[in-house]
Every structure is written in C-alpha cells, then in structure tokens.
C-alpha cells in the first residue's frame, strides 16, 4: 500500500494538479476578531512553516480583515489540536492546518471520539514528500552505506520522528521492514525539533519533509540519501527514490486547511475564498517550488471524498505495520 502522487491526483482530477482553482463566490460574512489558526504540530516543522508563510501572505496582500494567529498544538500526535478545534466555542473563527495525522491520530486514538467528516473543508494547498537525512559527520553518503551502518549497530542506531503512527514513523517502519533494519526511535512534538536534534547529532538520522531540513542541507550539515516520492525531486536530482530500489512505495504528507465542526456556511465560504487567493498568489506558487511541494487543489466536495479515501488507506497502512 502506498500513498502515490497518482492516487492523490485521482481524487481531484489530473488537470487540477497544475491548474489554478476556481475563485470562490464572495460572501458578506467577515471575521469579527483574530482567527485562531491552529497547527497540529510543534514549532519549526513543515506545518508550522506553512502556517506562518500563509499568515505573512495574507497580511502582505491584505486578504483578511482580521489577523490569522498561529497556535501550535502538537501534543499527542496532533490530538491536542483536534480536540481544541472540535470543541471550539467559536467555530467561525477557528481553522486548522493539517497533515496526515488528521487521519492517523483518530484511527490510533479512537477514545478521542474525533470524526474528521464533521470538520469543515477549506483548502488543500499541496502535498509534501519525505526524504531520509543523515548528518554530514556520520560519513554516510549513500543509502547502501546507511543500511550497512544500521545493520552493523544491531538496534542501537537512533532516529527521531514525530511519534508512533505519525507520517515519518510510517515511512521508517516500511523502510525497516523492507531492509530488515532494527532502529531505535525517539518521538518529538514536531519535525522542526527532529531536524534540530539531527543537526546537533543527538540522533543519527531522520525522515523529514524537505522544508524542515532545507536550512541545514543548504548549510552543508545534512546529506539526503533516499526520497519516498514517485519520482526524483528537482531540488535533489542525485537522490534516488525507494521505488528505484525495487520497492513499490511512496508517501506524501497533505498540507491542508480545515475549519472547525459547526462552522457556518458563510464563514466557510469566506475561508475558502481566502485560501483560494493564497493558493493562486505568486508567493504560494513560489513556495511550492522552493520547498519541493507538489501542487494539489481540491474543492470542498473533493476534499470530503479525499478524507474518506485517506482514512481507508491509512487503516490499511497502519494495520500492515502492526499499529
């Protein structure tokens, strides 16, 4: 089971992968106070970077009458954010930046009582691939050397990630099974903290999104070894994919915005229009390219179908990995 770009595209229609979205119909509703812009991850990770970039675009282009206020709630693999948004006292002023833990956390923590179909679709902004990184001082320069080192250390090789059942742990678990690797895994609250500890060599490798590792890579501290995308990424043309190694697997992290359950139709239309404008902006299109994200737009109806498909896909992925 893999989460390929082709599978993602099939939900929205192939043409939507590179086409700009239709402009939403403007509504009379306007926010009356600052907007709670909840991020289901810690500071510095991919979701946090995207939220703050979107906030900056909205302010620079004067797209909203009230500010988007980033609010990191990454505890419990995003459970903290899901509970906060699902119980929001003012749904019309509460929106959430999501990743794939939007699907996996309710599946793994069913006691939360979270039904993602009660949330309000707003915008799918793109999808993010994963890359395996090591520190330059490790001396590892190829994936084959990485596999040999992990096997040599026999359970003492330490990787960091954002928690069991999270996106990176799914990728690591697949890779471990494919190559018979015994890895010690340390959970963090977000991808930013994971990348920081690899830079400090408190851990030996990570599976991070390109945006989370980009600064360290450009500084020469990180070495990319393997991509979990369908094809080689333009930013890392010399980095092979796991598919090239003979494994039919790829995995992408959604970068999407959803509204709180109970949000009014007028408020939903306002946010859908707002994020349509952000998506179409020169700044966001440039961000997609610079941070190695793939564009993927969906309207509200397509997002609900996509959610249902991803719940089904992640049920199968987690079951296959023993989660």
Protein backbone atom coordinates (compact mmCIF):
# COMPACT_ATOMS: atom_id res chain seq x y z
CA UNK A 1 0.00 0.00 0.00
CA UNK A 2 1.46 3.37 -0.92
CA UNK A 3 0.31 6.97 -1.00
CA UNK A 4 1.36 7.94 -4.50
CA UNK A 5 1.01 11.25 -6.24
CA UNK A 6 -1.12 9.48 -8.85
CA UNK A 7 -3.52 8.32 -6.14
CA UNK A 8 -3.72 11.84 -4.77
CA UNK A 9 -4.34 13.28 -8.20
CA UNK A 10 -7.10 10.82 -8.97
CA UNK A 11 -9.19 12.33 -6.22
CA UNK A 12 -9.01 15.82 -7.65
CA UNK A 13 -8.72 15.04 -11.36
CA UNK A 14 -5.38 15.05 -13.13
CA UNK A 15 -5.89 18.51 -14.57
CA UNK A 16 -6.20 20.00 -11.10
CA UNK A 17 -2.65 19.07 -10.25
CA UNK A 18 -1.34 22.03 -12.21
CA UNK A 19 -4.47 24.14 -12.71
CA UNK A 20 -5.38 27.13 -10.59
CA UNK A 21 -8.57 26.74 -8.54
CA UNK A 22 -11.81 28.48 -9.36
CA UNK A 23 -12.41 31.63 -7.35
CA UNK A 24 -14.95 31.09 -4.60
CA UNK A 25 -18.05 33.25 -4.53
CA UNK A 26 -17.52 36.21 -2.25
CA UNK A 27 -19.76 36.35 0.81
CA UNK A 28 -20.87 39.17 3.10
CA UNK A 29 -19.53 37.43 6.23
CA UNK A 30 -16.34 38.88 7.72
CA UNK A 31 -14.42 37.79 10.81
CA UNK A 32 -15.11 39.97 13.83
CA UNK A 33 -11.95 39.12 15.76
CA UNK A 34 -8.50 37.48 15.27
CA UNK A 35 -8.70 33.99 13.75
CA UNK A 36 -7.41 31.05 15.78
CA UNK A 37 -5.03 29.45 13.24
CA UNK A 38 -4.34 26.10 14.93
CA UNK A 39 -1.33 24.00 13.87
CA UNK A 40 -1.41 20.29 14.73
CA UNK A 41 2.39 20.16 15.16
CA UNK A 42 5.12 21.91 17.12
CA UNK A 43 7.12 24.99 16.17
CA UNK A 44 9.57 24.78 13.30
CA UNK A 45 8.08 21.81 11.45
CA UNK A 46 6.59 21.78 7.97
CA UNK A 47 3.04 22.55 9.10
CA UNK A 48 4.27 25.40 11.29
CA UNK A 49 6.37 26.87 8.48
CA UNK A 50 3.43 26.71 6.08
CA UNK A 51 1.05 28.34 8.57
CA UNK A 52 3.40 31.24 9.18
CA UNK A 53 4.10 31.67 5.48
CA UNK A 54 0.36 31.78 4.76
CA UNK A 55 -0.10 34.26 7.60
CA UNK A 56 2.54 36.50 6.02
CA UNK A 57 0.96 36.29 2.55
CA UNK A 58 -2.49 37.14 3.93
CA UNK A 59 -1.06 40.18 5.73
CA UNK A 60 1.11 41.37 2.84
CA UNK A 61 -1.76 41.12 0.35
CA UNK A 62 -4.36 42.46 2.82
CA UNK A 63 -6.55 39.42 2.20
CA UNK A 64 -8.36 39.33 5.53
CA UNK A 65 -9.86 41.96 7.82
CA UNK A 66 -8.62 40.17 10.96
CA UNK A 67 -5.23 38.51 11.51
CA UNK A 68 -4.52 34.80 11.37
CA UNK A 69 -2.92 33.97 14.74
CA UNK A 70 -0.75 30.79 14.65
CA UNK A 71 -1.43 28.50 17.59
CA UNK A 72 0.80 25.41 17.90
CA UNK A 73 -0.91 22.40 19.47
CA UNK A 74 1.18 19.36 18.57
CA UNK A 75 0.69 17.26 21.70
CA UNK A 76 -0.44 13.66 21.40
CA UNK A 77 0.46 13.41 17.70
CA UNK A 78 -1.98 16.21 16.94
CA UNK A 79 -4.69 15.02 19.33
CA UNK A 80 -4.39 18.28 21.27
CA UNK A 81 -5.19 20.27 18.12
CA UNK A 82 -8.06 18.03 17.07
CA UNK A 83 -9.71 18.30 20.49
CA UNK A 84 -9.17 22.05 20.61
CA UNK A 85 -10.75 22.62 17.20
CA UNK A 86 -13.56 20.08 17.58
CA UNK A 87 -14.66 21.74 20.83
CA UNK A 88 -14.11 25.34 19.71
CA UNK A 89 -16.57 27.76 21.32
CA UNK A 90 -16.45 29.92 18.18
CA UNK A 91 -16.23 27.65 15.11
CA UNK A 92 -16.43 30.59 12.70
CA UNK A 93 -13.09 31.89 13.98
CA UNK A 94 -11.22 28.59 14.30
CA UNK A 95 -9.29 26.90 11.48
CA UNK A 96 -6.69 24.12 11.46
CA UNK A 97 -3.51 23.44 9.47
CA UNK A 98 -3.41 19.68 8.97
CA UNK A 99 -1.05 16.93 7.94
CA UNK A 100 -1.69 13.18 7.70
CA UNK A 101 -2.11 12.88 11.46
CA UNK A 102 -5.55 14.34 10.70
CA UNK A 103 -6.27 10.77 9.52
CA UNK A 104 -3.94 8.62 11.64
CA UNK A 105 -4.47 10.11 15.11
CA UNK A 106 -8.25 9.50 15.23
CA UNK A 107 -7.59 5.96 13.95
CA UNK A 108 -4.93 5.23 16.58
CA UNK A 109 -6.68 7.07 19.43
CA UNK A 110 -10.31 6.15 18.93
CA UNK A 111 -11.09 7.15 22.53
CA UNK A 112 -10.81 10.76 21.36
CA UNK A 113 -14.18 10.39 19.63
CA UNK A 114 -13.00 12.52 16.68
CA UNK A 115 -14.94 12.16 13.42
CA UNK A 116 -13.00 14.10 10.80
CA UNK A 117 -16.02 14.24 8.50
CA UNK A 118 -17.60 16.70 10.96
CA UNK A 119 -14.82 19.21 10.21
CA UNK A 120 -15.34 21.86 7.51
CA UNK A 121 -13.34 21.54 4.26
CA UNK A 122 -11.49 24.74 3.36
CA UNK A 123 -8.47 24.16 1.11
CA UNK A 124 -5.95 21.56 0.01
CA UNK A 125 -2.77 23.56 -0.52
CA UNK A 126 -0.39 20.82 -1.73
CA UNK A 127 1.35 17.58 -0.76
CA UNK A 128 4.81 17.11 0.72
CA UNK A 129 7.21 14.18 0.08
CA UNK A 130 9.67 12.68 2.57
CA UNK A 131 13.45 12.31 2.44
CA UNK A 132 15.89 10.27 4.56
CA UNK A 133 18.62 12.51 6.02
CA UNK A 134 21.87 11.94 7.92
CA UNK A 135 24.42 14.36 9.31
CA UNK A 136 27.48 15.00 7.16
CA UNK A 137 29.76 13.99 10.05
CA UNK A 138 28.29 10.48 10.00
CA UNK A 139 30.43 9.72 6.97
CA UNK A 140 27.40 8.11 5.30
CA UNK A 141 26.91 9.32 1.73
CA UNK A 142 24.68 6.65 0.16
CA UNK A 143 21.60 4.69 1.14
CA UNK A 144 23.58 1.44 0.88
CA UNK A 145 26.06 2.75 3.44
CA UNK A 146 23.16 3.75 5.68
CA UNK A 147 21.65 0.25 5.55
CA UNK A 148 25.03 -1.32 6.32
CA UNK A 149 25.56 1.01 9.29
CA UNK A 150 22.12 0.39 10.79
CA UNK A 151 22.53 -3.37 10.46
CA UNK A 152 26.01 -3.19 11.98
CA UNK A 153 24.71 -1.32 15.04
CA UNK A 154 22.07 -4.03 15.65
CA UNK A 155 19.34 -1.98 17.34
CA UNK A 156 21.45 0.92 18.59
CA UNK A 157 21.00 3.20 15.57
CA UNK A 158 18.84 6.13 16.74
CA UNK A 159 16.34 8.00 14.60
CA UNK A 160 13.96 10.77 15.62
CA UNK A 161 10.44 11.44 14.44
CA UNK A 162 7.12 12.95 15.39
CA UNK A 163 5.70 9.88 17.13
CA UNK A 164 4.36 6.36 16.61
CA UNK A 165 1.77 6.26 13.85
CA UNK A 166 2.86 9.65 12.54
CA UNK A 167 3.83 10.17 8.92
CA UNK A 168 7.58 9.71 9.33
CA UNK A 169 7.12 6.63 11.52
CA UNK A 170 5.03 5.00 8.78
CA UNK A 171 7.84 5.64 6.31
CA UNK A 172 10.52 4.42 8.73
CA UNK A 173 8.53 1.30 9.55
CA UNK A 174 8.13 0.46 5.86
CA UNK A 175 11.84 1.02 5.21
CA UNK A 176 12.79 -1.05 8.27
CA UNK A 177 10.66 -3.96 7.10
CA UNK A 178 11.96 -3.78 3.54
CA UNK A 179 15.62 -3.82 4.61
CA UNK A 180 15.46 -5.76 7.90
CA UNK A 181 16.54 -2.76 9.99
CA UNK A 182 16.35 -2.56 13.78
CA UNK A 183 16.06 1.14 14.63
CA UNK A 184 15.67 2.88 17.98
CA UNK A 185 13.00 5.57 17.52
CA UNK A 186 12.69 8.73 19.65
CA UNK A 187 9.42 10.75 19.40
CA UNK A 188 9.29 14.55 19.24
CA UNK A 189 6.48 17.11 19.14
CA UNK A 190 7.31 18.29 15.62
CA UNK A 191 9.55 17.98 12.60
CA UNK A 192 11.42 21.15 13.46
CA UNK A 193 12.67 19.69 16.74
CA UNK A 194 13.61 16.48 14.93
CA UNK A 195 15.72 18.34 12.37
CA UNK A 196 17.34 20.45 15.08
CA UNK A 197 18.45 17.38 17.02
CA UNK A 198 19.89 15.77 13.89
CA UNK A 199 21.86 18.98 13.35
CA UNK A 200 23.11 18.67 16.94
CA UNK A 201 23.79 14.95 16.39
CA UNK A 202 21.59 13.87 19.30
CA UNK A 203 20.07 11.44 16.78
CA UNK A 204 21.64 9.73 13.77
CA UNK A 205 19.06 10.10 11.00
CA UNK A 206 15.59 11.43 10.27
CA UNK A 207 12.82 11.17 7.71
CA UNK A 208 11.81 14.82 7.28
CA UNK A 209 9.99 16.85 4.66
CA UNK A 210 12.39 18.93 2.52
CA UNK A 211 11.24 22.24 4.04
CA UNK A 212 12.09 21.04 7.56
CA UNK A 213 15.65 20.08 6.58
CA UNK A 214 16.31 22.70 3.90
CA UNK A 215 18.26 25.18 6.00
CA UNK A 216 20.57 22.52 7.40
CA UNK A 217 21.01 20.99 3.93
CA UNK A 218 21.91 24.37 2.41
CA UNK A 219 24.40 24.91 5.25
CA UNK A 220 26.06 21.63 4.32
CA UNK A 221 25.10 19.84 7.55
CA UNK A 222 22.58 17.32 6.16
CA UNK A 223 23.04 14.67 3.48
CA UNK A 224 19.90 13.39 1.69
CA UNK A 225 20.06 9.66 0.97
CA UNK A 226 16.66 8.48 -0.26
CA UNK A 227 13.37 10.04 -1.39
CA UNK A 228 9.97 8.49 -0.75
CA UNK A 229 8.39 10.24 -3.75
CA UNK A 230 7.19 8.73 -7.00
CA UNK A 231 9.99 10.38 -8.95
CA UNK A 232 13.27 12.12 -8.15
CA UNK A 233 12.75 15.64 -6.89
CA UNK A 234 14.15 18.55 -8.94
CA UNK A 235 15.82 20.01 -5.83
CA UNK A 236 17.64 16.71 -5.17
CA UNK A 237 18.27 15.21 -8.63
CA UNK A 238 21.02 12.87 -7.41
CA UNK A 239 18.91 11.35 -4.62
CA UNK A 240 17.29 8.04 -5.66
CA UNK A 241 13.75 7.04 -4.75
CA UNK A 242 12.87 3.89 -2.86
CA UNK A 243 10.95 2.87 -5.99
CA UNK A 244 14.26 2.82 -7.85
CA UNK A 245 15.45 0.36 -5.22
CA UNK A 246 12.67 -2.01 -6.26
CA UNK A 247 10.04 -1.19 -3.65
CA UNK A 248 6.61 -0.03 -4.80
CA UNK A 249 6.17 2.56 -2.07
CA UNK A 250 5.82 6.33 -1.85
CA UNK A 251 4.27 8.58 0.75
CA UNK A 252 3.12 12.20 0.76
CA UNK A 253 2.00 14.46 3.60
CA UNK A 254 -1.09 16.59 2.98
CA UNK A 255 -0.84 20.33 3.56
CA UNK A 256 -4.44 21.36 4.02
CA UNK A 257 -6.67 23.81 5.90
CA UNK A 258 -9.91 22.72 7.57
CA UNK A 259 -12.49 24.58 9.63
CA UNK A 260 -13.98 23.63 12.95
CA UNK A 261 -17.10 21.43 13.12
CA UNK A 262 -20.20 23.61 13.16
CA UNK A 263 -18.67 26.43 11.11
CA UNK A 264 -21.39 28.42 9.32
CA UNK A 265 -21.71 28.19 5.54
CA UNK A 266 -20.95 31.91 5.27
CA UNK A 267 -17.72 31.62 7.26
CA UNK A 268 -16.70 28.50 5.31
CA UNK A 269 -17.20 30.39 2.04
CA UNK A 270 -15.10 33.27 3.38
CA UNK A 271 -12.17 31.00 4.27
CA UNK A 272 -12.47 29.03 1.03
CA UNK A 273 -12.22 32.31 -0.86
CA UNK A 274 -9.32 33.50 1.31
CA UNK A 275 -7.26 30.36 0.78
CA UNK A 276 -8.10 30.26 -2.91
CA UNK A 277 -6.47 33.68 -3.15
CA UNK A 278 -3.46 32.49 -1.15
CA UNK A 279 -3.12 29.38 -3.33
CA UNK A 280 -3.25 31.42 -6.53
CA UNK A 281 -0.77 34.01 -5.26
CA UNK A 282 2.69 34.28 -6.76
CA UNK A 283 4.13 33.86 -3.27
CA UNK A 284 2.44 30.50 -2.63
CA UNK A 285 3.26 29.14 -6.08
CA UNK A 286 6.86 30.13 -5.47
CA UNK A 287 6.78 28.44 -2.05
CA UNK A 288 5.57 25.19 -3.60
CA UNK A 289 8.60 25.20 -5.90
CA UNK A 290 11.21 26.35 -3.39
CA UNK A 291 10.12 23.88 -0.70
CA UNK A 292 9.66 20.89 -3.07
CA UNK A 293 5.89 20.58 -2.51
CA UNK A 294 3.58 19.30 -5.25
CA UNK A 295 0.56 21.49 -6.06
CA UNK A 296 -2.79 19.83 -5.43
CA UNK A 297 -6.01 21.83 -5.23
CA UNK A 298 -9.40 20.40 -4.23
CA UNK A 299 -12.79 21.99 -3.67
CA UNK A 300 -14.86 21.19 -0.58
CA UNK A 301 -16.70 18.18 -2.05
CA UNK A 302 -13.48 16.67 -3.38
CA UNK A 303 -11.83 17.11 0.00
CA UNK A 304 -14.52 15.08 1.78
CA UNK A 305 -14.07 12.24 -0.72
CA UNK A 306 -10.31 12.52 -0.27
CA UNK A 307 -10.65 12.29 3.52
CA UNK A 308 -12.68 9.09 3.22
CA UNK A 309 -10.08 7.57 0.88
CA UNK A 310 -7.18 8.51 3.13
CA UNK A 311 -8.85 7.05 6.22
CA UNK A 312 -9.24 3.79 4.30
CA UNK A 313 -5.64 3.93 3.03
CA UNK A 314 -4.19 4.69 6.44
CA UNK A 315 -6.22 1.96 8.11
CA UNK A 316 -4.53 -0.48 5.73
CA UNK A 317 -1.07 1.11 6.20
CA UNK A 318 -1.28 1.06 9.98
CA UNK A 319 -2.60 -2.50 10.04
CA UNK A 320 0.22 -3.66 7.74
CA UNK A 321 2.75 -2.03 10.07
CA UNK A 322 1.17 -3.52 13.19
CA UNK A 323 -0.17 -0.22 14.51
